[in-house]
Amino acid sequence: MFLNYSKRGIFLVATVLFFVSSCKETKEGKEKQQQQAAQPNILIIVADDMGFSDIGCLGGEIQTPVIDKIAQEGQLFSNFYVQPTCSPTRSSLLTGCDNHFAGVGIMHEMDYPALHELNLPEYAGSLKKDIVTLPEILRENGYHTYMVGKWHLGEDEGQNPFDRGFEETFILGSGGGSHSNDGRSLAPPQTMTYTRNGIEVKLPEDFYSTKNYTDSIIKFIDRNKKDNKPFFAYQSYTAVHDPLQAPKEYIDKYKGKFDAGWDALSEMRFANLKKLGIIPADLKSTFKNPGIPKWEKLTHEQKEEFARDMEVYAAMLDYMDKSIGRIIDYLKKEGKYDNTMIVFMSDNGANGAVAAAYPGNADGKYLSTFNNSMQNKGLKGSFVEMGPGWAKASSSPFRFFKGFTAEGGIKAPLIVKMPNNAGKKAGWNNTFLHVTDILPTVLEVTQTKLPTELKGKKVENKFIGKSMVSVIDGTTTVLHEEGMGWELFEMRAFRKGKYKILRLPVPFGTGDWELFDIEKDPIESNDLSKTFPEIKAELIKSWEAYAQYNKVHDHKGFYDNFYRNNLGPGNGKERN
């Protein structure tokens, strides 16, 4: 009897304990679901090679109503800095680190044997394996993580975004190429590999990058919409990177819109930015980029050809805007829009490169295989580039464009819409911000702690970014008192407060440090080196400290010589 009673008692106790435990687990599960449901979604949209003044809210004439509406609902930042080119910016965006420390102190396409032989981790051209990424952090904290579009941070084993924290992906591994399904790269040495969740895929016959990227991100979000988990979506468009291609009806929409030429477009945008108050009203447009001819000196045939190039570019951006609208419409339909933080940015200034300058294209053989007739320009099988004339106008009012540490290369538009319309609505904001600020901002918005360890590994990141939340809510107007540095291809810069030092190789600069007051002179036209030598000296020391901290390599003139011999005026590769 005692034995039987004991067994019964044990059973009853166990039953009660199970019931209590189940209730507790159920309660905890519900609380976790509620917490996850309350956590904001994050959508980061990156345009590829879009100039500063292309979008409507920054004085551009290209139709971008969707992007402009996001700016109205959030904040537009006019003093936001990125890296000079694609992959360095993306490395900083996803890690919160300087691009050198992240492993992308060089674009692998621009590597050279002596550098490669040194095997420097900072110059691998791909993300270091011992640093964590934003999707890795968020995924460990209950987020779905999706990526669609351009990766450009490594294509070897273990370097796919599917290996770096993204749960579902559809990506182009390389830096760019045809926007159709023909697999044509920017140059013969490069390849175009698309993967879905790390596995190579074949593209459909009707593939157009912007359309299919948009389809994919919506499908990823929709697939898990009922589990109440928040999502982090990284929508990395390859628009408006060359070769410029767009649907014909969109190209036709802009026919004749740019017949006045790049000089007229630059002046118009310059005036529009003055009206918006983004640049000083008394500023005069004086700087002229070398190698860009006056529009009036071109032949009729040249004008016709170049005008068509810009029509295709505008069409491409217009179509991307409509595609972003599709994502917005989906989020609104599913009741997810209000609780979604949206970040829209460009990865660098407009692309002034010509197709012949890409490594492997110098002999013209590859480029001769494209159909660039006026009837086919901008359609499948063509290779259209923006070129330096339009790139200068697109990056107006600033000096130069993509690839340069001048303002035209490293200053980009940034739009942030906070969840549930949080944040101060102040039109545009001129606080000095940096691409590395996005990671800590997302962590604060999602209430995610920065880990010291992840999956049993110590987090090795040297985070230099700071959360922008205090800027967005209006409690802070200065975020980077210590300043920020840049280096790529021996082009250097350091900005602190209103002053910036800039070093550009000949023939684009003096080859020595110059000093500018960026607030009064954002076009970098008046070198103040002789006026304020002590400020210049102080900033040079700051840059040297930045270089030492991030292990910036001294290329000892390799890129200086490359630019002088291959990309300077008079080499036959400028479009004149």
Protein backbone atom coordinates (compact mmCIF):
# COMPACT_ATOMS: atom_id res chain seq x y z
CA MET A 1 0.00 0.00 0.00
CA PHE A 2 2.70 2.40 0.94
CA LEU A 3 4.55 1.63 -2.27
CA ASN A 4 1.46 2.12 -4.39
CA TYR A 5 0.58 5.33 -2.59
CA SER A 6 4.10 6.62 -3.10
CA LYS A 7 3.93 5.92 -6.80
CA ARG A 8 0.59 7.69 -7.01
CA GLY A 9 1.98 10.64 -5.08
CA ILE A 10 5.00 10.88 -7.29
CA PHE A 11 2.72 10.79 -10.31
CA LEU A 12 0.50 13.54 -8.92
CA VAL A 13 3.48 15.73 -8.02
CA ALA A 14 5.00 15.19 -11.44
CA THR A 15 1.70 16.06 -13.08
CA VAL A 16 1.40 19.28 -11.09
CA LEU A 17 5.01 20.21 -11.82
CA PHE A 18 4.50 19.53 -15.53
CA PHE A 19 1.34 21.65 -15.55
CA VAL A 20 3.05 24.52 -13.78
CA SER A 21 6.08 24.24 -16.02
CA SER A 22 3.92 24.14 -19.13
CA CYS A 23 2.00 27.19 -18.01
CA LYS A 24 5.27 28.96 -17.31
CA GLU A 25 6.69 27.98 -20.69
CA THR A 26 3.46 29.00 -22.41
CA LYS A 27 3.51 32.33 -20.62
CA GLU A 28 7.19 32.88 -21.44
CA GLY A 29 6.54 31.85 -25.03
CA LYS A 30 3.70 34.33 -25.33
CA GLU A 31 5.78 37.08 -23.73
CA LYS A 32 8.62 36.32 -26.14
CA GLN A 33 6.23 36.42 -29.10
CA GLN A 34 4.77 39.70 -27.89
CA GLN A 35 8.25 41.15 -27.42
CA GLN A 36 9.28 40.00 -30.89
CA ALA A 37 6.08 41.41 -32.38
CA ALA A 38 6.79 44.76 -30.73
CA GLN A 39 10.39 44.87 -31.92
CA PRO A 40 10.71 46.97 -35.05
CA ASN A 41 11.52 45.57 -38.46
CA ILE A 42 14.57 46.97 -40.22
CA LEU A 43 14.75 47.63 -43.97
CA ILE A 44 18.03 48.97 -45.36
CA ILE A 45 17.93 49.97 -49.04
CA VAL A 46 21.20 50.74 -50.82
CA ALA A 47 21.34 52.32 -54.27
CA ASP A 48 24.50 51.53 -56.23
CA ASP A 49 26.48 54.53 -57.57
CA MET A 50 23.66 57.05 -57.17
CA GLY A 51 24.77 60.69 -57.12
CA PHE A 52 24.04 63.08 -54.27
CA SER A 53 21.51 65.29 -56.07
CA ASP A 54 19.70 62.68 -58.21
CA ILE A 55 16.58 62.25 -56.07
CA GLY A 56 13.78 64.78 -56.06
CA CYS A 57 14.07 65.76 -52.39
CA LEU A 58 17.68 66.82 -53.03
CA GLY A 59 16.97 68.97 -56.05
CA GLY A 60 17.02 66.33 -58.79
CA GLU A 61 14.68 66.28 -61.78
CA ILE A 62 14.43 62.47 -61.95
CA GLN A 63 11.04 61.27 -60.71
CA THR A 64 11.49 59.61 -57.30
CA PRO A 65 8.16 60.17 -55.49
CA VAL A 66 8.46 57.06 -53.28
CA ILE A 67 11.90 57.97 -51.96
CA ASP A 68 10.79 61.58 -51.52
CA LYS A 69 7.76 60.43 -49.48
CA ILE A 70 9.98 58.35 -47.16
CA ALA A 71 12.08 61.50 -46.65
CA GLN A 72 8.92 63.45 -45.74
CA GLU A 73 7.90 60.83 -43.18
CA GLY A 74 11.41 60.57 -41.75
CA GLN A 75 14.54 62.69 -41.95
CA LEU A 76 16.82 63.57 -44.83
CA PHE A 77 20.51 63.88 -43.93
CA SER A 78 22.65 66.10 -46.14
CA ASN A 79 25.98 65.57 -44.37
CA PHE A 80 26.27 61.79 -44.49
CA TYR A 81 29.58 60.19 -45.48
CA VAL A 82 30.39 56.81 -46.98
CA GLN A 83 33.53 55.22 -48.42
CA PRO A 84 34.69 56.18 -51.94
CA THR A 85 33.54 52.95 -53.62
CA CYS A 86 31.07 50.08 -53.38
CA SER A 87 32.58 47.23 -51.34
CA PRO A 88 34.40 49.41 -48.77
CA THR A 89 31.10 51.14 -47.95
CA ARG A 90 29.25 47.85 -47.65
CA SER A 91 31.92 46.45 -45.32
CA SER A 92 31.53 49.48 -43.02
CA LEU A 93 27.73 49.31 -43.18
CA LEU A 94 27.56 45.69 -42.05
CA THR A 95 30.33 45.79 -39.41
CA GLY A 96 30.36 49.31 -37.95
CA CYS A 97 34.12 49.37 -38.64
CA ASP A 98 36.47 51.25 -40.90
CA ASN A 99 36.73 49.43 -44.21
CA HIS A 100 40.41 48.59 -43.67
CA PHE A 101 39.77 46.89 -40.36
CA ALA A 102 36.80 45.07 -41.92
CA GLY A 103 39.16 43.58 -44.53
CA VAL A 104 38.25 45.77 -47.48
CA GLY A 105 41.06 48.31 -47.57
CA ILE A 106 41.15 47.54 -51.27
CA MET A 107 38.68 46.45 -53.91
CA HIS A 108 39.93 43.04 -55.02
CA GLU A 109 39.52 44.14 -58.65
CA MET A 110 42.18 46.81 -58.06
CA ASP A 111 44.69 44.61 -56.24
CA TYR A 112 48.29 44.42 -57.46
CA PRO A 113 50.91 41.65 -57.09
CA ALA A 114 53.18 43.33 -54.52
CA LEU A 115 50.20 44.05 -52.26
CA HIS A 116 48.70 40.60 -52.75
CA GLU A 117 51.98 38.93 -51.76
CA LEU A 118 51.97 40.76 -48.42
CA ASN A 119 48.76 38.90 -47.49
CA LEU A 120 47.51 41.73 -45.28
CA PRO A 121 44.17 40.91 -43.57
CA GLU A 122 43.09 44.54 -43.98
CA TYR A 123 43.54 44.26 -47.76
CA ALA A 124 41.92 40.90 -48.47
CA GLY A 125 39.10 42.53 -50.44
CA SER A 126 36.56 40.49 -48.44
CA LEU A 127 35.12 40.58 -44.92
CA LYS A 128 37.40 39.27 -42.20
CA LYS A 129 36.15 36.05 -40.66
CA ASP A 130 36.91 37.14 -37.08
CA ILE A 131 34.56 40.12 -37.03
CA VAL A 132 30.79 39.95 -36.64
CA THR A 133 28.19 41.41 -38.97
CA LEU A 134 24.90 43.14 -38.22
CA PRO A 135 22.79 40.20 -39.50
CA GLU A 136 24.77 37.79 -37.31
CA ILE A 137 23.99 39.91 -34.25
CA LEU A 138 20.31 40.35 -35.06
CA ARG A 139 19.77 36.71 -36.00
CA GLU A 140 21.14 35.64 -32.62
CA ASN A 141 18.59 38.00 -31.08
CA GLY A 142 15.47 36.59 -32.70
CA TYR A 143 15.37 38.35 -36.07
CA HIS A 144 14.77 36.91 -39.49
CA THR A 145 17.61 38.14 -41.70
CA TYR A 146 17.24 38.52 -45.46
CA MET A 147 19.52 39.85 -48.17
CA VAL A 148 18.86 40.48 -51.83
CA GLY A 149 21.09 42.04 -54.49
CA LYS A 150 24.74 43.00 -54.65
CA TRP A 151 27.11 41.44 -52.10
CA HIS A 152 30.65 42.32 -53.33
CA LEU A 153 32.33 41.25 -50.09
CA GLY A 154 33.88 37.97 -51.15
CA GLU A 155 32.92 34.95 -53.26
CA ASP A 156 35.20 32.23 -51.88
CA GLU A 157 34.06 29.48 -49.54
CA GLY A 158 32.65 30.86 -46.31
CA GLN A 159 32.35 34.40 -47.72
CA ASN A 160 28.79 34.22 -49.03
CA PRO A 161 26.23 36.33 -47.11
CA PHE A 162 24.48 33.04 -46.29
CA ASP A 163 27.62 32.30 -44.22
CA ARG A 164 27.64 35.73 -42.56
CA GLY A 165 24.33 35.81 -40.76
CA PHE A 166 21.70 36.02 -43.47
CA GLU A 167 18.97 33.41 -43.21
CA GLU A 168 17.72 33.74 -46.79
CA THR A 169 19.57 35.30 -49.70
CA PHE A 170 19.41 35.91 -53.42
CA ILE A 171 22.55 37.73 -54.42
CA LEU A 172 25.05 38.71 -57.08
CA GLY A 173 28.45 37.94 -55.62
CA SER A 174 30.50 40.33 -57.75
CA GLY A 175 30.45 44.10 -58.10
CA GLY A 176 28.26 44.43 -61.16
CA GLY A 177 27.45 43.56 -64.74
CA SER A 178 24.47 43.13 -67.04
CA HIS A 179 21.07 43.63 -65.42
CA SER A 180 19.52 40.96 -67.66
CA ASN A 181 20.09 37.19 -67.69
CA ASP A 182 22.94 37.18 -70.24
CA GLY A 183 25.68 37.01 -67.61
CA ARG A 184 27.85 39.71 -69.17
CA SER A 185 30.33 41.11 -66.66
CA LEU A 186 31.96 44.55 -66.51
CA ALA A 187 35.19 43.13 -67.92
CA PRO A 188 36.48 39.70 -69.06
CA PRO A 189 38.36 38.76 -65.85
CA GLN A 190 35.21 39.14 -63.80
CA THR A 191 32.36 36.68 -63.52
CA MET A 192 28.72 37.04 -62.60
CA THR A 193 27.50 34.40 -60.18
CA TYR A 194 24.03 34.50 -58.65
CA THR A 195 23.32 32.36 -55.61
CA ARG A 196 20.25 31.58 -53.53
CA ASN A 197 21.17 30.61 -49.98
CA GLY A 198 24.73 29.96 -51.09
CA ILE A 199 23.83 27.72 -54.06
CA GLU A 200 24.38 28.96 -57.62
CA VAL A 201 21.17 29.51 -59.57
CA LYS A 202 20.17 30.03 -63.19
CA LEU A 203 18.28 33.24 -63.93
CA PRO A 204 14.85 33.27 -65.59
CA GLU A 205 14.59 34.42 -69.21
CA ASP A 206 12.79 37.68 -68.29
CA PHE A 207 15.23 38.59 -65.49
CA TYR A 208 15.79 42.28 -64.76
CA SER A 209 17.85 42.87 -61.64
CA THR A 210 15.73 45.54 -59.97
CA LYS A 211 12.46 43.68 -60.61
CA ASN A 212 13.67 40.29 -59.45
CA TYR A 213 15.50 41.65 -56.40
CA THR A 214 12.27 43.34 -55.34
CA ASP A 215 10.23 40.18 -55.96
CA SER A 216 12.65 38.18 -53.83
CA ILE A 217 12.73 40.43 -50.77
CA ILE A 218 8.92 40.55 -50.68
CA LYS A 219 8.76 36.73 -50.94
CA PHE A 220 11.27 36.30 -48.11
CA ILE A 221 9.35 38.59 -45.77
CA ASP A 222 5.99 37.10 -46.76
CA ARG A 223 7.13 33.52 -46.18
CA ASN A 224 7.55 34.04 -42.43
CA LYS A 225 5.03 36.79 -41.82
CA LYS A 226 2.87 34.76 -39.41
CA ASP A 227 5.49 33.80 -36.82
CA ASN A 228 5.63 37.28 -35.23
CA LYS A 229 9.41 37.44 -35.48
CA PRO A 230 10.76 40.80 -36.66
CA PHE A 231 12.87 40.97 -39.81
CA PHE A 232 16.09 42.64 -40.92
CA ALA A 233 16.05 43.06 -44.71
CA TYR A 234 19.05 44.29 -46.66
CA GLN A 235 17.89 45.34 -50.13
CA SER A 236 21.09 45.99 -52.06
CA TYR A 237 20.16 47.09 -55.58
CA THR A 238 22.68 47.01 -58.44
CA ALA A 239 20.88 49.99 -59.96
CA VAL A 240 22.20 52.47 -61.00
CA HIS A 241 25.59 50.80 -61.57
CA ASP A 242 26.74 50.45 -65.14
CA PRO A 243 26.11 48.96 -67.63
CA LEU A 244 23.04 51.17 -67.51
CA GLN A 245 19.94 49.22 -68.57
CA ALA A 246 16.24 49.87 -68.08
CA PRO A 247 12.85 48.92 -69.55
CA LYS A 248 12.27 50.73 -72.84
CA GLU A 249 9.09 52.49 -71.70
CA TYR A 250 11.02 54.08 -68.84
CA ILE A 251 13.83 55.21 -71.16
CA ASP A 252 11.30 56.72 -73.56
CA LYS A 253 9.80 58.65 -70.64
CA TYR A 254 13.01 60.73 -70.39
CA LYS A 255 13.60 61.29 -74.09
CA GLY A 256 14.87 64.82 -74.66
CA LYS A 257 15.03 65.65 -70.94
CA PHE A 258 18.83 66.00 -70.93
CA ASP A 259 19.46 67.58 -74.33
CA ALA A 260 20.74 70.74 -72.63
CA GLY A 261 23.77 68.76 -71.44
CA TRP A 262 25.74 68.14 -68.27
CA ASP A 263 26.86 71.74 -67.71
CA ALA A 264 23.26 72.96 -67.66
CA LEU A 265 22.21 70.08 -65.41
CA SER A 266 25.01 70.88 -62.94
CA GLU A 267 23.99 74.54 -62.75
CA MET A 268 20.30 73.69 -62.33
CA ARG A 269 20.96 71.30 -59.47
CA PHE A 270 23.41 73.74 -57.93
CA ALA A 271 20.65 76.37 -57.86
CA ASN A 272 18.09 73.90 -56.48
CA LEU A 273 20.37 72.93 -53.58
CA LYS A 274 20.79 76.61 -52.73
CA LYS A 275 17.01 77.01 -52.61
CA LEU A 276 16.76 74.03 -50.28
CA GLY A 277 19.38 75.61 -48.01
CA ILE A 278 21.71 72.61 -48.27
CA ILE A 279 24.59 74.68 -49.67
CA PRO A 280 25.36 78.35 -48.91
CA ALA A 281 23.31 80.82 -50.96
CA ASP A 282 26.42 82.84 -51.88
CA LEU A 283 28.44 79.81 -53.05
CA LYS A 284 29.79 80.02 -56.60
CA SER A 285 30.34 76.96 -58.77
CA THR A 286 33.97 77.43 -59.79
CA PHE A 287 35.66 74.04 -59.80
CA LYS A 288 35.86 72.18 -63.11
CA ASN A 289 36.89 68.54 -63.22
CA PRO A 290 39.78 67.82 -65.59
CA GLY A 291 38.97 65.76 -68.68
CA ILE A 292 35.31 66.84 -68.96
CA PRO A 293 34.67 68.93 -72.10
CA LYS A 294 32.17 71.76 -72.29
CA TRP A 295 28.85 70.49 -73.63
CA GLU A 296 28.76 73.25 -76.20
CA LYS A 297 32.00 72.00 -77.75
CA LEU A 298 30.62 68.54 -78.52
CA THR A 299 29.38 67.56 -81.96
CA HIS A 300 25.67 67.00 -82.61
CA GLU A 301 26.25 63.24 -82.74
CA GLN A 302 28.13 63.26 -79.44
CA LYS A 303 25.40 65.29 -77.75
CA GLU A 304 22.76 62.86 -78.99
CA GLU A 305 24.72 59.84 -77.77
CA PHE A 306 25.57 61.29 -74.36
CA ALA A 307 22.06 62.60 -73.77
CA ARG A 308 20.73 59.08 -74.34
CA ASP A 309 23.15 57.77 -71.68
CA MET A 310 21.60 60.05 -69.06
CA GLU A 311 18.09 59.15 -70.21
CA VAL A 312 18.88 55.51 -69.45
CA TYR A 313 20.36 56.42 -66.07
CA ALA A 314 17.25 58.41 -65.12
CA ALA A 315 15.00 55.57 -66.28
CA MET A 316 16.94 53.11 -64.15
CA LEU A 317 16.55 55.26 -61.03
CA ASP A 318 12.88 55.92 -61.77
CA TYR A 319 12.23 52.18 -62.05
CA MET A 320 14.09 51.52 -58.79
CA ASP A 321 11.91 54.12 -57.06
CA LYS A 322 8.76 52.36 -58.32
CA SER A 323 10.18 49.05 -57.10
CA ILE A 324 10.80 50.45 -53.63
CA GLY A 325 7.17 51.53 -53.78
CA ARG A 326 6.19 47.88 -54.27
CA ILE A 327 7.99 46.96 -51.03
CA ILE A 328 6.32 49.83 -49.19
CA ASP A 329 2.88 48.82 -50.51
CA TYR A 330 3.45 45.24 -49.36
CA LEU A 331 4.49 46.33 -45.86
CA LYS A 332 1.44 48.57 -45.57
CA LYS A 333 -0.89 45.80 -46.77
CA GLU A 334 0.51 43.43 -44.13
CA GLY A 335 0.37 46.05 -41.38
CA LYS A 336 4.16 46.08 -40.99
CA TYR A 337 5.03 49.50 -42.39
CA ASP A 338 4.49 51.63 -39.30
CA ASN A 339 6.73 49.41 -37.17
CA THR A 340 9.53 49.29 -39.75
CA MET A 341 12.66 51.41 -39.65
CA ILE A 342 13.66 52.30 -43.22
CA VAL A 343 17.15 53.42 -44.20
CA PHE A 344 17.81 54.58 -47.76
CA MET A 345 21.29 55.52 -48.95
CA SER A 346 23.76 55.40 -51.81
CA ASP A 347 27.05 53.54 -51.41
CA ASN A 348 29.17 56.30 -52.96
CA GLY A 349 28.99 59.15 -55.45
CA ALA A 350 27.96 58.77 -59.08
CA ASN A 351 30.17 56.58 -61.27
CA GLY A 352 32.38 58.60 -63.62
CA ALA A 353 34.31 55.58 -64.92
CA VAL A 354 34.28 54.69 -68.59
CA ALA A 355 33.96 51.08 -69.68
CA ALA A 356 37.42 51.08 -71.27
CA ALA A 357 39.01 51.83 -67.88
CA TYR A 358 37.83 48.57 -66.25
CA PRO A 359 40.73 46.09 -65.97
CA GLY A 360 40.61 43.86 -69.05
CA ASN A 361 38.85 46.32 -71.36
CA ALA A 362 41.79 48.42 -72.50
CA ASP A 363 42.10 46.70 -75.90
CA GLY A 364 38.44 47.27 -76.76
CA LYS A 365 37.82 43.67 -77.88
CA TYR A 366 35.28 42.83 -75.20
CA LEU A 367 33.44 46.13 -75.52
CA SER A 368 33.15 45.69 -79.30
CA THR A 369 30.85 42.70 -78.71
CA PHE A 370 28.07 44.90 -77.28
CA ASN A 371 25.29 46.48 -79.36
CA ASN A 372 25.44 50.18 -78.52
CA SER A 373 23.39 51.44 -81.45
CA MET A 374 21.03 54.28 -80.63
CA GLN A 375 18.10 51.87 -81.01
CA ASN A 376 19.58 49.45 -78.45
CA LYS A 377 21.27 51.81 -76.01
CA GLY A 378 20.17 50.94 -72.50
CA LEU A 379 18.55 47.66 -73.51
CA LYS A 380 19.78 44.07 -73.20
CA GLY A 381 23.09 43.55 -74.97
CA SER A 382 24.31 47.14 -74.61
CA PHE A 383 27.02 48.62 -72.40
CA VAL A 384 26.10 52.17 -71.43
CA GLU A 385 28.06 54.14 -68.87
CA MET A 386 27.31 57.46 -67.25
CA GLY A 387 30.78 58.86 -67.81
CA PRO A 388 32.48 61.73 -65.98
CA GLY A 389 30.35 64.52 -67.49
CA TRP A 390 27.04 63.25 -66.16
CA ALA A 391 28.67 61.88 -62.99
CA LYS A 392 29.90 65.38 -62.12
CA ALA A 393 26.37 66.72 -62.64
CA SER A 394 24.87 63.83 -60.68
CA SER A 395 27.22 64.47 -57.75
CA SER A 396 26.51 68.20 -57.92
CA PRO A 397 27.47 70.44 -56.26
CA PHE A 398 30.56 68.55 -55.14
CA ARG A 399 34.02 67.95 -56.51
CA PHE A 400 34.54 64.70 -58.43
CA PHE A 401 32.56 61.48 -57.95
CA LYS A 402 32.93 57.77 -57.12
CA GLY A 403 36.47 56.64 -56.33
CA PHE A 404 37.59 59.98 -54.88
CA THR A 405 37.86 61.09 -51.26
CA ALA A 406 36.67 64.50 -52.44
CA GLU A 407 33.10 65.34 -51.38
CA GLY A 408 31.57 64.04 -54.63
CA GLY A 409 32.91 60.56 -53.91
CA ILE A 410 32.20 60.17 -50.19
CA LYS A 411 29.11 62.27 -49.49
CA ALA A 412 25.82 60.53 -50.16
CA PRO A 413 22.13 61.01 -49.44
CA LEU A 414 20.74 59.32 -46.34
CA ILE A 415 17.06 59.00 -45.44
CA VAL A 416 15.89 57.44 -42.18
CA LYS A 417 12.27 56.73 -41.27
CA MET A 418 11.96 55.58 -37.68
CA PRO A 419 9.44 52.98 -36.49
CA ASN A 420 6.03 54.41 -35.62
CA ASN A 421 7.08 57.86 -36.87
CA ALA A 422 9.46 58.40 -33.97
CA GLY A 423 12.10 61.10 -34.26
CA LYS A 424 12.10 64.81 -34.85
CA LYS A 425 10.65 66.04 -38.16
CA ALA A 426 12.94 68.79 -39.25
CA GLY A 427 13.07 68.56 -43.02
CA TRP A 428 16.71 67.89 -43.63
CA ASN A 429 19.46 67.51 -41.06
CA ASN A 430 23.10 68.57 -41.58
CA THR A 431 24.73 66.67 -38.70
CA PHE A 432 28.01 65.04 -39.73
CA LEU A 433 27.28 61.28 -39.91
CA HIS A 434 29.12 58.23 -41.22
CA VAL A 435 28.09 54.89 -42.69
CA THR A 436 29.53 53.09 -39.64
CA ASP A 437 26.81 54.79 -37.57
CA ILE A 438 24.08 52.62 -39.06
CA LEU A 439 24.98 49.41 -37.16
CA PRO A 440 24.90 50.97 -33.65
CA THR A 441 21.73 52.86 -34.62
CA VAL A 442 19.96 49.65 -35.59
CA LEU A 443 21.12 47.99 -32.37
CA GLU A 444 19.70 50.82 -30.27
CA VAL A 445 16.41 50.91 -32.17
CA THR A 446 16.01 47.13 -31.80
CA GLN A 447 17.19 47.25 -28.17
CA THR A 448 19.92 44.77 -29.02
CA LYS A 449 23.08 44.81 -26.94
CA LEU A 450 26.42 44.89 -28.71
CA PRO A 451 27.90 41.49 -27.96
CA THR A 452 31.36 40.90 -26.59
CA GLU A 453 31.02 37.30 -27.68
CA LEU A 454 29.01 35.55 -30.39
CA LYS A 455 28.68 31.79 -30.86
CA GLY A 456 31.52 31.23 -28.44
CA LYS A 457 33.84 33.61 -30.28
CA LYS A 458 35.12 36.91 -28.95
CA VAL A 459 33.88 39.85 -30.99
CA GLU A 460 36.98 41.46 -32.51
CA ASN A 461 35.34 44.47 -34.19
CA LYS A 462 36.86 47.92 -33.70
CA PHE A 463 33.53 49.74 -33.77
CA ILE A 464 33.93 53.40 -34.78
CA GLY A 465 30.31 54.19 -35.54
CA LYS A 466 27.91 55.83 -33.07
CA SER A 467 24.16 55.57 -32.76
CA MET A 468 22.27 58.28 -34.62
CA VAL A 469 19.17 58.00 -32.44
CA SER A 470 20.05 61.12 -30.43
CA VAL A 471 20.50 63.02 -33.70
CA ILE A 472 17.22 61.72 -35.07
CA ASP A 473 15.25 62.69 -31.96
CA GLY A 474 16.88 66.13 -31.91
CA THR A 475 18.82 65.87 -28.63
CA THR A 476 22.26 65.87 -30.29
CA THR A 477 23.71 67.94 -33.12
CA VAL A 478 27.32 66.74 -32.95
CA LEU A 479 28.19 63.04 -33.13
CA HIS A 480 31.82 62.77 -34.28
CA GLU A 481 33.78 65.44 -32.43
CA GLU A 482 36.95 63.38 -32.89
CA GLY A 483 36.60 63.40 -36.68
CA MET A 484 36.71 60.68 -39.33
CA GLY A 485 39.36 59.49 -41.80
CA TRP A 486 39.43 57.91 -45.27
CA GLU A 487 41.93 56.15 -47.53
CA LEU A 488 41.48 54.27 -50.77
CA PHE A 489 43.87 53.96 -53.72
CA GLU A 490 46.18 56.52 -52.02
CA MET A 491 43.38 59.06 -51.97
CA ARG A 492 43.11 60.35 -48.42
CA ALA A 493 40.96 62.61 -46.31
CA PHE A 494 40.20 63.53 -42.73
CA ARG A 495 37.32 65.66 -41.51
CA LYS A 496 36.95 67.18 -38.06
CA GLY A 497 34.33 69.82 -37.36
CA LYS A 498 34.05 72.11 -40.35
CA TYR A 499 37.56 71.48 -41.65
CA LYS A 500 38.70 68.75 -43.98
CA ILE A 501 42.12 67.84 -45.37
CA LEU A 502 42.20 66.15 -48.75
CA ARG A 503 44.99 64.45 -50.63
CA LEU A 504 44.40 63.56 -54.30
CA PRO A 505 47.04 62.27 -56.72
CA VAL A 506 48.15 64.25 -59.76
CA PRO A 507 46.41 65.06 -62.13
CA PHE A 508 43.29 65.28 -59.96
CA GLY A 509 44.98 67.16 -57.14
CA THR A 510 48.36 68.46 -56.09
CA GLY A 511 49.58 65.16 -54.63
CA ASP A 512 49.88 66.98 -51.27
CA TRP A 513 47.42 67.71 -48.49
CA GLU A 514 44.94 70.54 -49.06
CA LEU A 515 42.72 72.16 -46.42
CA PHE A 516 39.09 73.21 -46.86
CA ASP A 517 36.32 74.75 -44.80
CA ILE A 518 33.54 72.34 -45.78
CA GLU A 519 30.75 74.42 -44.26
CA LYS A 520 31.58 77.53 -46.29
CA ASP A 521 33.20 75.73 -49.21
CA PRO A 522 31.58 72.29 -49.72
CA ILE A 523 32.86 72.20 -53.32
CA GLU A 524 36.49 72.27 -52.10
CA SER A 525 37.54 75.18 -54.29
CA ASN A 526 39.59 77.28 -51.84
CA ASP A 527 42.70 75.66 -50.33
CA LEU A 528 43.32 77.19 -46.89
CA SER A 529 46.68 75.49 -46.27
CA LYS A 530 48.64 78.73 -46.24
CA THR A 531 45.98 80.59 -44.26
CA PHE A 532 45.66 78.02 -41.45
CA PRO A 533 48.83 75.87 -41.48
CA GLU A 534 48.35 74.90 -37.82
CA ILE A 535 44.89 73.45 -38.52
CA LYS A 536 46.26 71.53 -41.49
CA ALA A 537 49.11 70.14 -39.36
CA GLU A 538 46.68 69.09 -36.62
CA LEU A 539 44.43 67.25 -39.09
CA ILE A 540 47.40 65.51 -40.72
CA LYS A 541 48.35 64.15 -37.28
CA SER A 542 44.76 62.99 -36.83
CA TRP A 543 44.83 61.20 -40.17
CA GLU A 544 48.12 59.52 -39.27
CA ALA A 545 46.59 58.30 -36.01
CA TYR A 546 43.55 57.03 -37.96
CA ALA A 547 45.86 55.22 -40.41
CA GLN A 548 47.85 53.58 -37.63
CA TYR A 549 44.73 52.49 -35.73
CA ASN A 550 43.19 50.87 -38.83
CA LYS A 551 46.48 49.53 -40.28
CA VAL A 552 46.33 51.58 -43.48
CA HIS A 553 49.06 50.40 -45.84
CA ASP A 554 51.47 52.78 -47.60
CA HIS A 555 51.26 51.93 -51.31
CA LYS A 556 54.33 54.08 -52.03
CA GLY A 557 52.96 55.67 -55.17
CA PHE A 558 51.57 52.60 -56.95
CA TYR A 559 48.11 54.08 -57.42
CA ASP A 560 49.49 57.57 -57.97
CA ASN A 561 51.33 56.21 -61.00
CA PHE A 562 48.32 54.23 -62.14
CA TYR A 563 46.06 57.26 -62.13
CA ARG A 564 48.65 59.46 -63.78
CA ASN A 565 49.29 56.96 -66.57
CA ASN A 566 45.82 55.53 -67.14
CA LEU A 567 43.08 57.84 -65.96
CA GLY A 568 44.45 61.35 -66.28
CA PRO A 569 43.66 63.85 -69.01
CA GLY A 570 45.28 63.10 -72.33
CA ASN A 571 45.37 59.32 -72.08
CA GLY A 572 42.49 58.87 -74.49
CA LYS A 573 40.08 57.36 -71.96
CA GLU A 574 38.23 60.52 -71.02
CA ARG A 575 35.05 61.03 -73.02
CA ASN A 576 35.80 64.07 -75.19
